[in-house]
């Protein structure tokens, strides 16, 4: 009797990118955090998603089910096609127009 082929579990390819280096780059089962709307989880096959995370932990569940936690003052999370890019150390500057500087 033949065994049915085992399906490889879907995973995410997660990268945390700072301006001068990549802080994390591994396969993962999930990315979890909190944004202005509340808690969220990104799982394989997630819809396209972009969010801003401020001062909230970003928890990555690795394929071996270990979790790693990162926290940044500000991060942008972009998920598309099972790839999650997290951009950190972002410098936002707000300029006021019409001040004659």
Foldseek 3Di string as FASTA:
>chain_A
DDDDDDDDDDWAFEWEDEPPDIPDTATFAWKWKAAPVGIDIDGAPRAWDKGKHAQIWIWTQHPVRDIDIDGARIWMWTDDNRYIYIYGPDDDDDDDPPPPD
